[in-house]
Amino acid sequence: METRNTTELAQKIEKIARLAFDRGATNGEAATAATMIVQIARKNGIDYDGFINLLGFTARGSRMCMTNVPVVMPFGKYRGRTLDEIYLIDSDYLQWFVETVTKYKQLRGQIIAFLKTKQN
């Protein structure tokens, strides 16, 4: 599958998954969303391993590990944008976040790691 189609498919699946995990979604809505995700994958010839790879996971033993999944800002003026998008729009914001925000340690660490990739 070519990169553009893969990206679009992953974004479509992510959007449906967000609906399924929304706290306001009923059990029926969540089940329907899960069914839709499986149907989309099957329609596109994606098996379980392909699905896991599409979502950016890799199996390591009995644990699933994230690989190359874009970090999305969960709040603030860039809510919903990936670090790559924010970097292109306002790279100073990411540096400000690292230097100023202490509450979100995991996100801060992800931004620090992201910025290191941009320095190389």
Protein backbone atom coordinates (compact mmCIF):
# COMPACT_ATOMS: atom_id res chain seq x y z
CA MET A 1 0.00 0.00 0.00
CA GLU A 2 1.46 3.38 -0.89
CA THR A 3 2.30 5.89 1.85
CA ARG A 4 -0.43 8.42 1.09
CA ASN A 5 -3.18 5.82 1.13
CA THR A 6 -1.72 4.26 4.26
CA THR A 7 -1.68 7.62 6.03
CA GLU A 8 -5.25 8.41 4.98
CA LEU A 9 -6.42 4.98 6.10
CA ALA A 10 -4.67 5.30 9.47
CA GLN A 11 -6.24 8.75 9.96
CA LYS A 12 -9.69 7.40 9.13
CA ILE A 13 -9.28 4.53 11.60
CA GLU A 14 -7.95 6.89 14.26
CA LYS A 15 -10.96 9.19 13.82
CA ILE A 16 -13.38 6.30 14.28
CA ALA A 17 -11.40 5.02 17.28
CA ARG A 18 -11.59 8.46 18.90
CA LEU A 19 -15.38 8.28 18.57
CA ALA A 20 -15.40 4.81 20.11
CA PHE A 21 -13.34 5.92 23.10
CA ASP A 22 -15.24 9.16 23.65
CA ARG A 23 -16.60 9.14 27.21
CA GLY A 24 -19.96 10.26 25.87
CA ALA A 25 -20.26 7.33 23.45
CA THR A 26 -22.74 4.63 24.37
CA ASN A 27 -21.67 0.98 24.42
CA GLY A 28 -23.55 0.50 21.16
CA GLU A 29 -21.75 3.39 19.48
CA ALA A 30 -18.38 2.07 20.67
CA ALA A 31 -19.20 -1.42 19.38
CA THR A 32 -20.32 -0.02 16.03
CA ALA A 33 -17.10 2.00 15.73
CA ALA A 34 -15.01 -1.09 16.51
CA THR A 35 -16.91 -3.07 13.87
CA MET A 36 -16.37 -0.28 11.34
CA ILE A 37 -12.62 -0.32 12.01
CA VAL A 38 -12.42 -4.06 11.36
CA GLN A 39 -14.52 -3.72 8.21
CA ILE A 40 -12.30 -0.93 6.87
CA ALA A 41 -9.19 -3.00 7.53
CA ARG A 42 -10.64 -6.10 5.86
CA LYS A 43 -11.90 -4.09 2.88
CA ASN A 44 -8.35 -2.82 2.37
CA GLY A 45 -6.82 -6.30 2.64
CA ILE A 46 -5.23 -5.64 6.02
CA ASP A 47 -4.75 -8.57 8.40
CA TYR A 48 -4.01 -8.29 12.13
CA ASP A 49 -0.26 -7.80 11.70
CA GLY A 50 -0.83 -5.21 8.99
CA PHE A 51 -3.36 -3.45 11.19
CA ILE A 52 -0.95 -3.28 14.12
CA ASN A 53 1.78 -1.98 11.81
CA LEU A 54 -0.60 0.58 10.27
CA LEU A 55 -1.33 2.01 13.70
CA GLY A 56 2.35 2.31 14.49
CA PHE A 57 2.73 -0.55 16.91
CA THR A 58 5.19 -3.38 16.83
CA ALA A 59 4.96 -6.62 18.79
CA ARG A 60 7.86 -7.26 21.13
CA GLY A 61 7.29 -10.43 23.08
CA SER A 62 3.91 -10.13 24.72
CA ARG A 63 4.05 -6.32 24.85
CA MET A 64 2.96 -3.87 22.22
CA CYS A 65 5.25 -0.87 21.73
CA MET A 66 4.56 2.39 19.94
CA THR A 67 6.76 3.12 16.93
CA ASN A 68 6.72 6.26 14.84
CA VAL A 69 3.27 7.35 15.97
CA PRO A 70 2.91 11.12 15.72
CA VAL A 71 2.37 12.87 19.04
CA VAL A 72 -0.74 15.03 18.98
CA MET A 73 -1.05 18.05 21.27
CA PRO A 74 -3.99 17.25 23.57
CA PHE A 75 -4.80 20.82 24.63
CA GLY A 76 -4.01 24.50 24.14
CA LYS A 77 -3.91 26.61 21.03
CA TYR A 78 -2.42 23.75 18.96
CA ARG A 79 -4.82 21.09 20.24
CA GLY A 80 -5.20 18.27 17.72
CA ARG A 81 -2.04 19.15 15.79
CA THR A 82 0.99 16.89 15.59
CA LEU A 83 4.39 18.00 16.82
CA ASP A 84 5.54 18.14 13.19
CA GLU A 85 2.71 20.53 12.33
CA ILE A 86 3.40 22.70 15.37
CA TYR A 87 7.12 22.74 14.55
CA LEU A 88 6.38 24.03 11.06
CA ILE A 89 3.93 26.67 12.32
CA ASP A 90 5.60 27.79 15.55
CA SER A 91 8.73 25.92 16.63
CA ASP A 92 9.25 28.45 19.44
CA TYR A 93 6.04 27.17 21.06
CA LEU A 94 7.56 23.73 21.51
CA GLN A 95 10.67 25.20 23.13
CA TRP A 96 8.47 27.37 25.35
CA PHE A 97 6.47 24.30 26.38
CA VAL A 98 9.63 22.40 27.38
CA GLU A 99 10.98 25.35 29.38
CA THR A 100 7.71 26.40 31.01
CA VAL A 101 5.24 23.55 31.44
CA THR A 102 6.08 21.04 34.16
CA LYS A 103 2.71 19.37 34.73
CA TYR A 104 2.71 17.10 31.67
CA LYS A 105 5.94 15.13 32.14
CA GLN A 106 5.31 12.46 29.50
CA LEU A 107 4.32 14.99 26.83
CA ARG A 108 7.26 17.18 27.78
CA GLY A 109 9.60 14.21 27.34
CA GLN A 110 8.07 13.44 23.95
CA ILE A 111 8.58 17.04 22.84
CA ILE A 112 12.19 17.01 24.06
CA ALA A 113 12.83 13.80 22.10
CA PHE A 114 11.10 15.28 19.05
CA LEU A 115 13.17 18.46 19.18
CA LYS A 116 16.37 16.41 19.40
CA THR A 117 15.46 14.76 16.08
CA LYS A 118 15.14 18.21 14.53
CA GLN A 119 18.59 19.28 15.74
CA ASN A 120 20.37 16.43 13.91
